[in-house]
Amino acid sequence: MIWRKEAAKLKVLQLEGLQCILTEMKVRWLECTTHPKKESAAHVFVISEHQRQQLESVSYSSRYALGLFYEAGTKIDVPWAGQYITSNPCIRFISIDNKKRNIASSEIGPSLVIHTTVPFGVTHLEHSVEDVQQLIFQQLETILPGLPQPVATQCQKWRYSQVTHAAANYPGQMTLHCKPFLVCGGDGFTHSNFDGCIASALCVLEALKNHI
């Protein structure tokens, strides 16, 4: 059995008789058991203490994202599809999503996506989503006054947004276990953008080729 503080979503994998439980977010630890249904099962720790420390050293920025959805025919009268905001303590980026994706439809209304700044996200990380949404609305009104009323909203806490410090000494990937082969990758082993994800994927592929 795995017990983990501040657990994110978990995935259970069956790997040649081992049941492994992995977090989708920041890895605190990973543990396997050869007999998951037996209370007296002996546990095998897949990662070393050094690997665990390296994974725990990865840090992320935190943000909120707010989606606003409007009725068909609603006009958002701005000349841009997306804009970075540098002068607001709350909002960093606004996107008119249908315009950004070059999707025009008389049957589907426009939508706005708002990303907050990292300092705002960190400060309000444990606040209620409802309170945070109201604060974002207040700041949005100062940037885009007179916006029509949305028919639906979705405010999402983005606890693990972008990597600020990647795992040291493991460029691109970390091989957790050889038998069975278990490797992890992602921008937490490189840097936080699409190029970082691609670089990690290539490192994972190389590790897999070497193992095979």
N, C-alpha and C. Protein backbone atom coordinates (compact mmCIF):
# COMPACT_ATOMS: atom_id res chain seq x y z
N MET A 1 0.84 -1.19 0.00
CA MET A 1 0.00 0.00 0.00
C MET A 1 0.88 1.24 0.00
N ILE A 2 0.49 2.25 -0.79
CA ILE A 2 1.23 3.51 -0.85
C ILE A 2 0.46 4.57 -0.07
N TRP A 3 1.14 5.26 0.78
CA TRP A 3 0.56 6.42 1.44
C TRP A 3 1.44 7.60 1.12
N ARG A 4 0.84 8.69 0.71
CA ARG A 4 1.61 9.83 0.26
C ARG A 4 0.90 11.11 0.64
N LYS A 5 1.59 12.01 1.31
CA LYS A 5 1.03 13.31 1.63
C LYS A 5 0.83 14.12 0.35
N GLU A 6 -0.20 14.93 0.35
CA GLU A 6 -0.49 15.83 -0.77
C GLU A 6 -0.53 15.04 -2.07
N ALA A 7 -1.19 13.92 -2.05
CA ALA A 7 -1.18 13.03 -3.21
C ALA A 7 -1.88 13.69 -4.40
N ALA A 8 -1.27 13.56 -5.58
CA ALA A 8 -1.93 13.97 -6.80
C ALA A 8 -2.64 12.73 -7.35
N LYS A 9 -3.08 12.78 -8.59
CA LYS A 9 -3.70 11.62 -9.18
C LYS A 9 -2.68 10.49 -9.28
N LEU A 10 -3.16 9.26 -9.08
CA LEU A 10 -2.27 8.12 -9.10
C LEU A 10 -2.59 7.22 -10.27
N LYS A 11 -1.57 6.58 -10.78
CA LYS A 11 -1.74 5.56 -11.80
C LYS A 11 -1.12 4.27 -11.29
N VAL A 12 -1.80 3.17 -11.53
CA VAL A 12 -1.29 1.86 -11.12
C VAL A 12 -0.88 1.10 -12.37
N LEU A 13 0.34 0.63 -12.39
CA LEU A 13 0.87 -0.10 -13.53
C LEU A 13 1.24 -1.51 -13.10
N GLN A 14 0.96 -2.49 -13.94
CA GLN A 14 1.40 -3.85 -13.70
C GLN A 14 2.64 -4.11 -14.55
N LEU A 15 3.76 -4.38 -13.91
CA LEU A 15 5.02 -4.57 -14.62
C LEU A 15 5.63 -5.90 -14.20
N GLU A 16 5.36 -6.93 -14.99
CA GLU A 16 5.94 -8.26 -14.76
C GLU A 16 5.83 -8.69 -13.30
N GLY A 17 4.61 -8.65 -12.79
CA GLY A 17 4.39 -9.12 -11.44
C GLY A 17 4.51 -8.06 -10.37
N LEU A 18 5.01 -6.87 -10.74
CA LEU A 18 5.12 -5.77 -9.77
C LEU A 18 3.97 -4.80 -9.99
N GLN A 19 3.40 -4.36 -8.92
CA GLN A 19 2.41 -3.30 -9.02
C GLN A 19 3.07 -2.00 -8.60
N CYS A 20 3.15 -1.05 -9.53
CA CYS A 20 3.81 0.22 -9.26
C CYS A 20 2.77 1.33 -9.25
N ILE A 21 2.90 2.22 -8.31
CA ILE A 21 2.00 3.35 -8.22
C ILE A 21 2.80 4.62 -8.48
N LEU A 22 2.40 5.34 -9.51
CA LEU A 22 3.12 6.55 -9.92
C LEU A 22 2.20 7.75 -9.78
N THR A 23 2.75 8.86 -9.38
CA THR A 23 1.97 10.09 -9.37
C THR A 23 2.07 10.75 -10.73
N GLU A 24 1.00 11.45 -11.11
CA GLU A 24 1.02 12.20 -12.36
C GLU A 24 1.71 13.54 -12.18
N MET A 25 1.82 14.00 -10.95
CA MET A 25 2.44 15.29 -10.70
C MET A 25 3.83 15.08 -10.13
N LYS A 26 4.21 15.94 -9.24
CA LYS A 26 5.55 15.87 -8.67
C LYS A 26 5.72 14.57 -7.88
N VAL A 27 6.78 13.84 -8.18
CA VAL A 27 6.99 12.54 -7.54
C VAL A 27 7.60 12.73 -6.17
N ARG A 28 6.94 12.23 -5.16
CA ARG A 28 7.51 12.25 -3.81
C ARG A 28 8.27 10.95 -3.56
N TRP A 29 7.66 9.85 -3.85
CA TRP A 29 8.39 8.60 -3.87
C TRP A 29 7.60 7.58 -4.67
N LEU A 30 8.25 6.52 -5.00
CA LEU A 30 7.62 5.46 -5.77
C LEU A 30 7.97 4.14 -5.11
N GLU A 31 6.98 3.29 -4.95
CA GLU A 31 7.17 2.07 -4.22
C GLU A 31 6.43 0.96 -4.95
N CYS A 32 6.97 -0.24 -4.91
CA CYS A 32 6.31 -1.37 -5.54
C CYS A 32 6.16 -2.50 -4.53
N THR A 33 5.19 -3.33 -4.78
CA THR A 33 5.03 -4.51 -3.95
C THR A 33 4.81 -5.72 -4.85
N THR A 34 5.41 -6.83 -4.50
CA THR A 34 5.28 -8.03 -5.32
C THR A 34 3.95 -8.72 -5.09
N HIS A 35 3.32 -8.48 -3.95
CA HIS A 35 2.03 -9.08 -3.64
C HIS A 35 1.11 -8.00 -3.08
N PRO A 36 0.54 -7.17 -3.96
CA PRO A 36 -0.20 -6.00 -3.48
C PRO A 36 -1.43 -6.33 -2.65
N LYS A 37 -1.96 -7.55 -2.76
CA LYS A 37 -3.18 -7.89 -2.04
C LYS A 37 -2.92 -8.50 -0.67
N LYS A 38 -1.67 -8.76 -0.36
CA LYS A 38 -1.33 -9.37 0.91
C LYS A 38 -0.86 -8.31 1.88
N GLU A 39 -1.45 -8.31 3.08
CA GLU A 39 -1.08 -7.31 4.06
C GLU A 39 0.37 -7.44 4.49
N SER A 40 0.90 -8.66 4.46
CA SER A 40 2.27 -8.89 4.93
C SER A 40 3.29 -8.82 3.81
N ALA A 41 2.89 -8.26 2.67
CA ALA A 41 3.77 -8.26 1.51
C ALA A 41 5.05 -7.49 1.79
N ALA A 42 6.16 -8.01 1.25
CA ALA A 42 7.44 -7.30 1.34
C ALA A 42 7.47 -6.23 0.25
N HIS A 43 7.91 -5.05 0.61
CA HIS A 43 7.93 -3.94 -0.33
C HIS A 43 9.33 -3.74 -0.89
N VAL A 44 9.36 -3.42 -2.17
CA VAL A 44 10.63 -3.16 -2.85
C VAL A 44 10.62 -1.70 -3.31
N PHE A 45 11.54 -0.93 -2.80
CA PHE A 45 11.63 0.46 -3.23
C PHE A 45 12.38 0.51 -4.55
N VAL A 46 11.69 1.02 -5.58
CA VAL A 46 12.26 1.02 -6.91
C VAL A 46 13.37 2.05 -7.03
N ILE A 47 13.24 3.18 -6.36
CA ILE A 47 14.22 4.23 -6.52
C ILE A 47 15.13 4.30 -5.30
N SER A 48 16.34 4.75 -5.55
CA SER A 48 17.31 4.91 -4.47
C SER A 48 17.02 6.19 -3.71
N GLU A 49 17.65 6.32 -2.57
CA GLU A 49 17.50 7.54 -1.78
C GLU A 49 17.99 8.76 -2.56
N HIS A 50 19.08 8.59 -3.30
CA HIS A 50 19.61 9.70 -4.10
C HIS A 50 18.61 10.11 -5.18
N GLN A 51 18.01 9.12 -5.86
CA GLN A 51 17.03 9.43 -6.88
C GLN A 51 15.82 10.14 -6.28
N ARG A 52 15.38 9.67 -5.14
CA ARG A 52 14.25 10.30 -4.48
C ARG A 52 14.55 11.77 -4.17
N GLN A 53 15.74 12.03 -3.68
CA GLN A 53 16.13 13.40 -3.37
C GLN A 53 16.17 14.27 -4.62
N GLN A 54 16.65 13.68 -5.71
CA GLN A 54 16.71 14.42 -6.97
C GLN A 54 15.31 14.75 -7.47
N LEU A 55 14.39 13.80 -7.38
CA LEU A 55 13.02 14.06 -7.81
C LEU A 55 12.35 15.10 -6.93
N GLU A 56 12.60 15.04 -5.64
CA GLU A 56 12.00 16.00 -4.74
C GLU A 56 12.59 17.40 -4.90
N SER A 57 13.76 17.49 -5.52
CA SER A 57 14.39 18.80 -5.70
C SER A 57 13.77 19.58 -6.85
N VAL A 58 12.99 18.90 -7.71
CA VAL A 58 12.36 19.59 -8.84
C VAL A 58 11.29 20.54 -8.29
N SER A 59 11.30 21.77 -8.75
CA SER A 59 10.31 22.74 -8.29
C SER A 59 9.54 23.32 -9.47
N TYR A 60 8.33 23.75 -9.18
CA TYR A 60 7.41 24.23 -10.20
C TYR A 60 6.80 25.57 -9.79
N SER A 61 6.47 26.37 -10.77
CA SER A 61 5.68 27.56 -10.51
C SER A 61 4.21 27.17 -10.42
N SER A 62 3.40 28.06 -9.86
CA SER A 62 1.97 27.79 -9.71
C SER A 62 1.17 28.96 -10.27
N ARG A 63 0.10 28.64 -10.95
CA ARG A 63 -0.76 29.66 -11.53
C ARG A 63 -2.22 29.23 -11.40
N TYR A 64 -3.10 30.13 -11.80
CA TYR A 64 -4.49 29.79 -12.05
C TYR A 64 -4.80 30.08 -13.52
N ALA A 65 -5.72 29.32 -14.06
CA ALA A 65 -6.24 29.59 -15.40
C ALA A 65 -7.76 29.73 -15.30
N LEU A 66 -8.27 30.74 -15.97
CA LEU A 66 -9.72 30.98 -15.96
C LEU A 66 -10.23 30.97 -17.38
N GLY A 67 -11.23 30.14 -17.63
CA GLY A 67 -11.87 30.08 -18.94
C GLY A 67 -13.24 30.73 -18.89
N LEU A 68 -13.52 31.61 -19.85
CA LEU A 68 -14.82 32.28 -19.96
C LEU A 68 -15.45 31.89 -21.30
N PHE A 69 -16.69 31.46 -21.25
CA PHE A 69 -17.36 30.95 -22.44
C PHE A 69 -18.61 31.78 -22.72
N TYR A 70 -18.78 32.19 -23.97
CA TYR A 70 -19.82 33.14 -24.33
C TYR A 70 -20.80 32.53 -25.34
N GLU A 71 -21.98 33.14 -25.41
CA GLU A 71 -22.99 32.70 -26.35
C GLU A 71 -22.53 32.94 -27.79
N ALA A 72 -23.06 32.13 -28.69
CA ALA A 72 -22.78 32.33 -30.11
C ALA A 72 -23.21 33.72 -30.53
N GLY A 73 -22.39 34.36 -31.34
CA GLY A 73 -22.68 35.70 -31.81
C GLY A 73 -22.09 36.80 -30.96
N THR A 74 -21.55 36.45 -29.79
CA THR A 74 -20.93 37.45 -28.93
C THR A 74 -19.65 37.97 -29.57
N LYS A 75 -19.43 39.28 -29.50
CA LYS A 75 -18.24 39.89 -30.07
C LYS A 75 -17.29 40.33 -28.95
N ILE A 76 -16.03 39.91 -29.05
CA ILE A 76 -14.98 40.39 -28.17
C ILE A 76 -14.14 41.35 -29.00
N ASP A 77 -14.36 42.63 -28.79
CA ASP A 77 -13.85 43.64 -29.71
C ASP A 77 -12.43 44.08 -29.34
N VAL A 78 -11.47 43.23 -29.64
CA VAL A 78 -10.05 43.57 -29.49
C VAL A 78 -9.33 43.13 -30.76
N PRO A 79 -8.23 43.79 -31.13
CA PRO A 79 -7.57 43.49 -32.40
C PRO A 79 -6.60 42.32 -32.33
N TRP A 80 -6.48 41.65 -31.19
CA TRP A 80 -5.49 40.60 -31.05
C TRP A 80 -6.14 39.28 -30.65
N ALA A 81 -5.41 38.18 -30.87
CA ALA A 81 -5.88 36.85 -30.47
C ALA A 81 -5.30 36.44 -29.12
N GLY A 82 -4.15 37.00 -28.78
CA GLY A 82 -3.53 36.71 -27.50
C GLY A 82 -2.60 37.84 -27.12
N GLN A 83 -2.47 38.08 -25.83
CA GLN A 83 -1.62 39.19 -25.41
C GLN A 83 -1.04 38.91 -24.02
N TYR A 84 0.28 39.16 -23.91
CA TYR A 84 0.93 39.11 -22.60
C TYR A 84 0.70 40.45 -21.89
N ILE A 85 0.40 40.35 -20.61
CA ILE A 85 0.14 41.53 -19.80
C ILE A 85 1.32 41.69 -18.84
N THR A 86 1.97 42.82 -18.87
CA THR A 86 3.16 43.01 -18.03
C THR A 86 2.93 43.99 -16.88
N SER A 87 1.78 44.65 -16.88
CA SER A 87 1.57 45.72 -15.91
C SER A 87 0.52 45.39 -14.85
N ASN A 88 0.09 44.13 -14.79
CA ASN A 88 -0.96 43.75 -13.85
C ASN A 88 -0.41 42.73 -12.85
N PRO A 89 -0.67 42.88 -11.57
CA PRO A 89 -0.13 41.95 -10.58
C PRO A 89 -0.81 40.59 -10.57
N CYS A 90 -1.96 40.49 -11.24
CA CYS A 90 -2.74 39.25 -11.22
C CYS A 90 -2.67 38.49 -12.55
N ILE A 91 -2.87 39.19 -13.65
CA ILE A 91 -3.03 38.54 -14.95
C ILE A 91 -1.76 38.68 -15.79
N ARG A 92 -1.31 37.56 -16.33
CA ARG A 92 -0.12 37.56 -17.17
C ARG A 92 -0.45 37.39 -18.65
N PHE A 93 -1.50 36.61 -18.98
CA PHE A 93 -1.76 36.30 -20.39
C PHE A 93 -3.27 36.16 -20.61
N ILE A 94 -3.73 36.71 -21.73
CA ILE A 94 -5.13 36.59 -22.13
C ILE A 94 -5.15 36.09 -23.58
N SER A 95 -6.00 35.11 -23.82
CA SER A 95 -6.14 34.56 -25.17
C SER A 95 -7.61 34.49 -25.53
N ILE A 96 -7.94 34.96 -26.74
CA ILE A 96 -9.26 34.71 -27.30
C ILE A 96 -9.11 33.41 -28.08
N ASP A 97 -9.56 32.35 -27.47
CA ASP A 97 -9.12 31.03 -27.90
C ASP A 97 -9.58 30.68 -29.32
N ASN A 98 -10.81 31.00 -29.67
CA ASN A 98 -11.27 30.66 -31.01
C ASN A 98 -10.53 31.45 -32.08
N LYS A 99 -10.17 32.71 -31.75
CA LYS A 99 -9.41 33.53 -32.70
C LYS A 99 -7.98 33.02 -32.81
N LYS A 100 -7.40 32.62 -31.68
CA LYS A 100 -6.04 32.10 -31.69
C LYS A 100 -5.95 30.83 -32.54
N ARG A 101 -7.00 30.01 -32.47
CA ARG A 101 -7.02 28.75 -33.23
C ARG A 101 -7.60 28.93 -34.64
N ASN A 102 -7.94 30.18 -34.97
CA ASN A 102 -8.48 30.50 -36.29
C ASN A 102 -9.76 29.70 -36.57
N ILE A 103 -10.63 29.65 -35.57
CA ILE A 103 -11.89 28.94 -35.69
C ILE A 103 -13.02 29.96 -35.66
N ALA A 104 -13.75 30.06 -36.74
CA ALA A 104 -14.89 30.97 -36.82
C ALA A 104 -16.15 30.14 -37.02
N SER A 105 -17.16 30.36 -36.18
CA SER A 105 -18.39 29.60 -36.28
C SER A 105 -19.55 30.45 -35.80
N SER A 106 -20.65 30.40 -36.55
CA SER A 106 -21.85 31.11 -36.13
C SER A 106 -22.62 30.35 -35.07
N GLU A 107 -22.24 29.11 -34.82
CA GLU A 107 -22.96 28.26 -33.87
C GLU A 107 -22.26 28.16 -32.52
N ILE A 108 -20.98 28.53 -32.48
CA ILE A 108 -20.21 28.40 -31.24
C ILE A 108 -19.69 29.78 -30.85
N GLY A 109 -19.91 30.15 -29.61
CA GLY A 109 -19.47 31.44 -29.13
C GLY A 109 -17.99 31.48 -28.84
N PRO A 110 -17.44 32.68 -28.67
CA PRO A 110 -16.01 32.82 -28.36
C PRO A 110 -15.72 32.40 -26.92
N SER A 111 -14.45 32.19 -26.65
CA SER A 111 -14.02 31.87 -25.29
C SER A 111 -12.72 32.60 -25.00
N LEU A 112 -12.57 33.00 -23.75
CA LEU A 112 -11.35 33.65 -23.28
C LEU A 112 -10.64 32.72 -22.31
N VAL A 113 -9.31 32.72 -22.39
CA VAL A 113 -8.49 32.00 -21.43
C VAL A 113 -7.56 33.00 -20.79
N ILE A 114 -7.57 33.04 -19.47
CA ILE A 114 -6.73 33.98 -18.72
C ILE A 114 -5.78 33.20 -17.83
N HIS A 115 -4.49 33.47 -17.92
CA HIS A 115 -3.49 32.88 -17.02
C HIS A 115 -3.03 33.95 -16.03
N THR A 116 -2.89 33.56 -14.78
CA THR A 116 -2.42 34.51 -13.79
C THR A 116 -0.89 34.55 -13.75
N THR A 117 -0.38 35.53 -13.05
CA THR A 117 1.05 35.59 -12.80
C THR A 117 1.44 34.52 -11.78
N VAL A 118 2.71 34.17 -11.76
CA VAL A 118 3.19 33.20 -10.78
C VAL A 118 3.06 33.73 -9.35
N PRO A 119 3.48 34.98 -9.06
CA PRO A 119 3.33 35.47 -7.68
C PRO A 119 1.88 35.43 -7.19
N PHE A 120 0.94 35.77 -8.05
CA PHE A 120 -0.47 35.70 -7.67
C PHE A 120 -0.86 34.25 -7.40
N GLY A 121 -0.43 33.33 -8.27
CA GLY A 121 -0.77 31.93 -8.09
C GLY A 121 -0.23 31.36 -6.79
N VAL A 122 1.01 31.70 -6.47
CA VAL A 122 1.63 31.20 -5.24
C VAL A 122 0.93 31.78 -4.01
N THR A 123 0.65 33.08 -4.05
CA THR A 123 0.01 33.75 -2.91
C THR A 123 -1.38 33.19 -2.62
N HIS A 124 -2.11 32.83 -3.67
CA HIS A 124 -3.50 32.40 -3.51
C HIS A 124 -3.67 30.89 -3.73
N LEU A 125 -2.59 30.14 -3.64
CA LEU A 125 -2.63 28.73 -4.00
C LEU A 125 -3.64 27.94 -3.18
N GLU A 126 -3.74 28.24 -1.89
CA GLU A 126 -4.64 27.49 -1.02
C GLU A 126 -5.97 28.20 -0.78
N HIS A 127 -6.23 29.26 -1.51
CA HIS A 127 -7.51 29.95 -1.39
C HIS A 127 -8.58 29.17 -2.16
N SER A 128 -9.82 29.45 -1.88
CA SER A 128 -10.90 28.78 -2.61
C SER A 128 -10.91 29.25 -4.06
N VAL A 129 -11.26 28.34 -4.95
CA VAL A 129 -11.31 28.67 -6.37
C VAL A 129 -12.32 29.78 -6.63
N GLU A 130 -13.42 29.77 -5.89
CA GLU A 130 -14.45 30.79 -6.07
C GLU A 130 -13.91 32.19 -5.74
N ASP A 131 -13.15 32.29 -4.65
CA ASP A 131 -12.58 33.59 -4.28
C ASP A 131 -11.55 34.05 -5.30
N VAL A 132 -10.72 33.11 -5.76
CA VAL A 132 -9.70 33.46 -6.75
C VAL A 132 -10.34 33.91 -8.05
N GLN A 133 -11.38 33.21 -8.46
CA GLN A 133 -12.07 33.59 -9.69
C GLN A 133 -12.61 35.01 -9.61
N GLN A 134 -13.15 35.38 -8.48
CA GLN A 134 -13.67 36.74 -8.31
C GLN A 134 -12.56 37.77 -8.41
N LEU A 135 -11.40 37.47 -7.83
CA LEU A 135 -10.26 38.38 -7.90
C LEU A 135 -9.78 38.55 -9.35
N ILE A 136 -9.74 37.46 -10.09
CA ILE A 136 -9.32 37.53 -11.50
C ILE A 136 -10.31 38.37 -12.30
N PHE A 137 -11.61 38.17 -12.05
CA PHE A 137 -12.63 38.96 -12.73
C PHE A 137 -12.43 40.45 -12.47
N GLN A 138 -12.13 40.80 -11.23
CA GLN A 138 -11.94 42.21 -10.89
C GLN A 138 -10.76 42.81 -11.66
N GLN A 139 -9.67 42.06 -11.77
CA GLN A 139 -8.51 42.56 -12.49
C GLN A 139 -8.74 42.57 -14.00
N LEU A 140 -9.50 41.59 -14.49
CA LEU A 140 -9.80 41.53 -15.92
C LEU A 140 -10.60 42.75 -16.34
N GLU A 141 -11.48 43.23 -15.47
CA GLU A 141 -12.30 44.39 -15.79
C GLU A 141 -11.44 45.63 -16.00
N THR A 142 -10.29 45.71 -15.34
CA THR A 142 -9.42 46.87 -15.51
C THR A 142 -8.65 46.79 -16.83
N ILE A 143 -8.49 45.58 -17.36
CA ILE A 143 -7.75 45.40 -18.62
C ILE A 143 -8.70 45.44 -19.82
N LEU A 144 -9.84 44.75 -19.69
CA LEU A 144 -10.84 44.70 -20.76
C LEU A 144 -12.19 45.12 -20.19
N PRO A 145 -12.37 46.42 -19.95
CA PRO A 145 -13.64 46.87 -19.37
C PRO A 145 -14.81 46.63 -20.32
N GLY A 146 -15.95 46.31 -19.72
CA GLY A 146 -17.17 46.17 -20.52
C GLY A 146 -17.32 44.84 -21.22
N LEU A 147 -16.59 43.82 -20.79
CA LEU A 147 -16.75 42.50 -21.39
C LEU A 147 -18.17 42.00 -21.16
N PRO A 148 -18.75 41.30 -22.14
CA PRO A 148 -20.08 40.73 -21.93
C PRO A 148 -20.05 39.64 -20.84
N GLN A 149 -21.21 39.33 -20.31
CA GLN A 149 -21.31 38.32 -19.26
C GLN A 149 -21.16 36.93 -19.87
N PRO A 150 -20.25 36.10 -19.38
CA PRO A 150 -20.10 34.75 -19.92
C PRO A 150 -21.27 33.86 -19.49
N VAL A 151 -21.55 32.85 -20.30
CA VAL A 151 -22.61 31.90 -19.95
C VAL A 151 -22.06 30.77 -19.09
N ALA A 152 -20.73 30.61 -19.09
CA ALA A 152 -20.11 29.58 -18.26
C ALA A 152 -18.67 29.99 -17.96
N THR A 153 -18.18 29.54 -16.82
CA THR A 153 -16.80 29.81 -16.44
C THR A 153 -16.16 28.54 -15.90
N GLN A 154 -14.85 28.48 -15.99
CA GLN A 154 -14.09 27.36 -15.42
C GLN A 154 -12.77 27.90 -14.90
N CYS A 155 -12.59 27.86 -13.58
CA CYS A 155 -11.34 28.31 -12.96
C CYS A 155 -10.56 27.09 -12.51
N GLN A 156 -9.33 26.99 -12.96
CA GLN A 156 -8.50 25.81 -12.71
C GLN A 156 -7.24 26.19 -11.94
N LYS A 157 -7.04 25.52 -10.80
CA LYS A 157 -5.80 25.71 -10.07
C LYS A 157 -4.71 24.91 -10.76
N TRP A 158 -3.62 25.57 -11.12
CA TRP A 158 -2.52 24.95 -11.85
C TRP A 158 -1.34 24.87 -10.89
N ARG A 159 -1.40 23.93 -9.97
CA ARG A 159 -0.40 23.84 -8.91
C ARG A 159 1.00 23.59 -9.47
N TYR A 160 1.10 22.73 -10.47
CA TYR A 160 2.39 22.44 -11.09
C TYR A 160 2.35 22.98 -12.52
N SER A 161 2.73 24.22 -12.68
CA SER A 161 2.59 24.90 -13.96
C SER A 161 3.82 24.69 -14.83
N GLN A 162 4.90 25.33 -14.48
CA GLN A 162 6.13 25.24 -15.28
C GLN A 162 7.30 24.91 -14.36
N VAL A 163 8.23 24.16 -14.88
CA VAL A 163 9.40 23.78 -14.10
C VAL A 163 10.28 25.00 -13.88
N THR A 164 10.63 25.26 -12.63
CA THR A 164 11.57 26.35 -12.34
C THR A 164 12.97 25.83 -12.05
N HIS A 165 13.08 24.62 -11.49
CA HIS A 165 14.37 23.98 -11.26
C HIS A 165 14.24 22.50 -11.61
N ALA A 166 14.95 22.09 -12.66
CA ALA A 166 14.89 20.70 -13.10
C ALA A 166 15.77 19.82 -12.22
N ALA A 167 15.59 18.51 -12.33
CA ALA A 167 16.41 17.56 -11.58
C ALA A 167 17.86 17.68 -12.03
N ALA A 168 18.72 17.86 -11.07
CA ALA A 168 20.14 17.97 -11.39
C ALA A 168 20.74 16.59 -11.65
N ASN A 169 21.76 16.54 -12.48
CA ASN A 169 22.55 15.33 -12.74
C ASN A 169 21.78 14.24 -13.49
N TYR A 170 20.58 14.55 -13.97
CA TYR A 170 19.82 13.59 -14.76
C TYR A 170 19.28 14.29 -16.00
N PRO A 171 20.16 14.65 -16.93
CA PRO A 171 19.69 15.40 -18.10
C PRO A 171 18.76 14.58 -18.98
N GLY A 172 17.53 14.96 -19.06
CA GLY A 172 16.60 14.34 -20.00
C GLY A 172 15.76 13.22 -19.46
N GLN A 173 16.31 12.39 -18.59
CA GLN A 173 15.55 11.24 -18.11
C GLN A 173 16.21 10.66 -16.88
N MET A 174 15.46 9.81 -16.17
CA MET A 174 16.01 9.08 -15.04
C MET A 174 15.55 7.62 -15.15
N THR A 175 16.51 6.72 -15.23
CA THR A 175 16.18 5.30 -15.25
C THR A 175 15.97 4.84 -13.81
N LEU A 176 14.73 4.52 -13.48
CA LEU A 176 14.39 4.17 -12.11
C LEU A 176 14.69 2.72 -11.78
N HIS A 177 14.51 1.86 -12.79
CA HIS A 177 14.63 0.42 -12.53
C HIS A 177 14.98 -0.28 -13.83
N CYS A 178 15.78 -1.33 -13.74
CA CYS A 178 16.22 -2.04 -14.96
C CYS A 178 15.42 -3.31 -15.22
N LYS A 179 15.01 -4.01 -14.19
CA LYS A 179 14.25 -5.24 -14.35
C LYS A 179 13.06 -5.23 -13.40
N PRO A 180 11.87 -4.87 -13.90
CA PRO A 180 11.53 -4.43 -15.26
C PRO A 180 12.06 -3.03 -15.54
N PHE A 181 12.21 -2.72 -16.82
CA PHE A 181 12.76 -1.43 -17.20
C PHE A 181 11.73 -0.34 -16.95
N LEU A 182 12.12 0.66 -16.20
CA LEU A 182 11.22 1.74 -15.85
C LEU A 182 12.00 3.05 -15.91
N VAL A 183 11.58 3.94 -16.81
CA VAL A 183 12.28 5.20 -17.01
C VAL A 183 11.26 6.33 -16.95
N CYS A 184 11.65 7.46 -16.41
CA CYS A 184 10.74 8.60 -16.39
C CYS A 184 11.41 9.79 -17.08
N GLY A 185 10.60 10.62 -17.66
CA GLY A 185 11.12 11.78 -18.37
C GLY A 185 10.12 12.91 -18.30
N GLY A 186 10.41 13.97 -19.03
CA GLY A 186 9.55 15.15 -19.03
C GLY A 186 10.38 16.40 -18.84
N ASP A 187 9.70 17.55 -18.87
CA ASP A 187 10.45 18.79 -18.77
C ASP A 187 11.05 18.99 -17.37
N GLY A 188 10.65 18.18 -16.39
CA GLY A 188 11.28 18.22 -15.08
C GLY A 188 12.73 17.76 -15.10
N PHE A 189 13.17 17.21 -16.24
CA PHE A 189 14.56 16.77 -16.39
C PHE A 189 15.31 17.62 -17.42
N THR A 190 14.64 18.63 -17.94
CA THR A 190 15.30 19.51 -18.92
C THR A 190 14.98 20.97 -18.58
N HIS A 191 14.02 21.54 -19.28
CA HIS A 191 13.57 22.90 -19.01
C HIS A 191 12.14 23.04 -19.50
N SER A 192 11.45 24.04 -19.01
CA SER A 192 10.00 24.10 -19.17
C SER A 192 9.58 24.83 -20.44
N ASN A 193 9.66 24.14 -21.54
CA ASN A 193 8.99 24.57 -22.77
C ASN A 193 8.90 23.35 -23.68
N PHE A 194 8.34 23.54 -24.87
CA PHE A 194 8.12 22.39 -25.75
C PHE A 194 9.45 21.75 -26.16
N ASP A 195 10.47 22.58 -26.39
CA ASP A 195 11.79 22.04 -26.73
C ASP A 195 12.32 21.14 -25.62
N GLY A 196 12.05 21.53 -24.36
CA GLY A 196 12.48 20.71 -23.24
C GLY A 196 11.80 19.36 -23.23
N CYS A 197 10.52 19.33 -23.57
CA CYS A 197 9.78 18.06 -23.64
C CYS A 197 10.33 17.17 -24.74
N ILE A 198 10.62 17.77 -25.90
CA ILE A 198 11.17 16.99 -27.01
C ILE A 198 12.54 16.45 -26.65
N ALA A 199 13.37 17.28 -26.03
CA ALA A 199 14.71 16.84 -25.63
C ALA A 199 14.63 15.67 -24.67
N SER A 200 13.70 15.73 -23.73
CA SER A 200 13.54 14.62 -22.78
C SER A 200 13.05 13.36 -23.49
N ALA A 201 12.10 13.52 -24.40
CA ALA A 201 11.58 12.35 -25.13
C ALA A 201 12.70 11.64 -25.90
N LEU A 202 13.60 12.40 -26.49
CA LEU A 202 14.71 11.80 -27.23
C LEU A 202 15.66 11.06 -26.27
N CYS A 203 15.85 11.62 -25.08
CA CYS A 203 16.70 10.95 -24.09
C CYS A 203 16.06 9.66 -23.60
N VAL A 204 14.74 9.68 -23.40
CA VAL A 204 14.03 8.46 -22.99
C VAL A 204 14.15 7.40 -24.08
N LEU A 205 13.99 7.82 -25.34
CA LEU A 205 14.12 6.89 -26.45
C LEU A 205 15.51 6.28 -26.50
N GLU A 206 16.53 7.08 -26.28
CA GLU A 206 17.89 6.57 -26.30
C GLU A 206 18.13 5.57 -25.17
N ALA A 207 17.58 5.87 -23.99
CA ALA A 207 17.71 4.95 -22.87
C ALA A 207 17.01 3.64 -23.16
N LEU A 208 15.85 3.70 -23.80
CA LEU A 208 15.12 2.49 -24.16
C LEU A 208 15.88 1.68 -25.20
N LYS A 209 16.45 2.35 -26.20
CA LYS A 209 17.24 1.66 -27.22
C LYS A 209 18.44 0.95 -26.61
N ASN A 210 19.10 1.62 -25.69
CA ASN A 210 20.27 1.02 -25.03
C ASN A 210 19.89 -0.19 -24.20
N HIS A 211 18.69 -0.13 -23.60
CA HIS A 211 18.24 -1.26 -22.80
C HIS A 211 17.88 -2.46 -23.66
N ILE A 212 17.23 -2.19 -24.77
CA ILE A 212 16.82 -3.28 -25.67
C ILE A 212 18.03 -3.92 -26.34
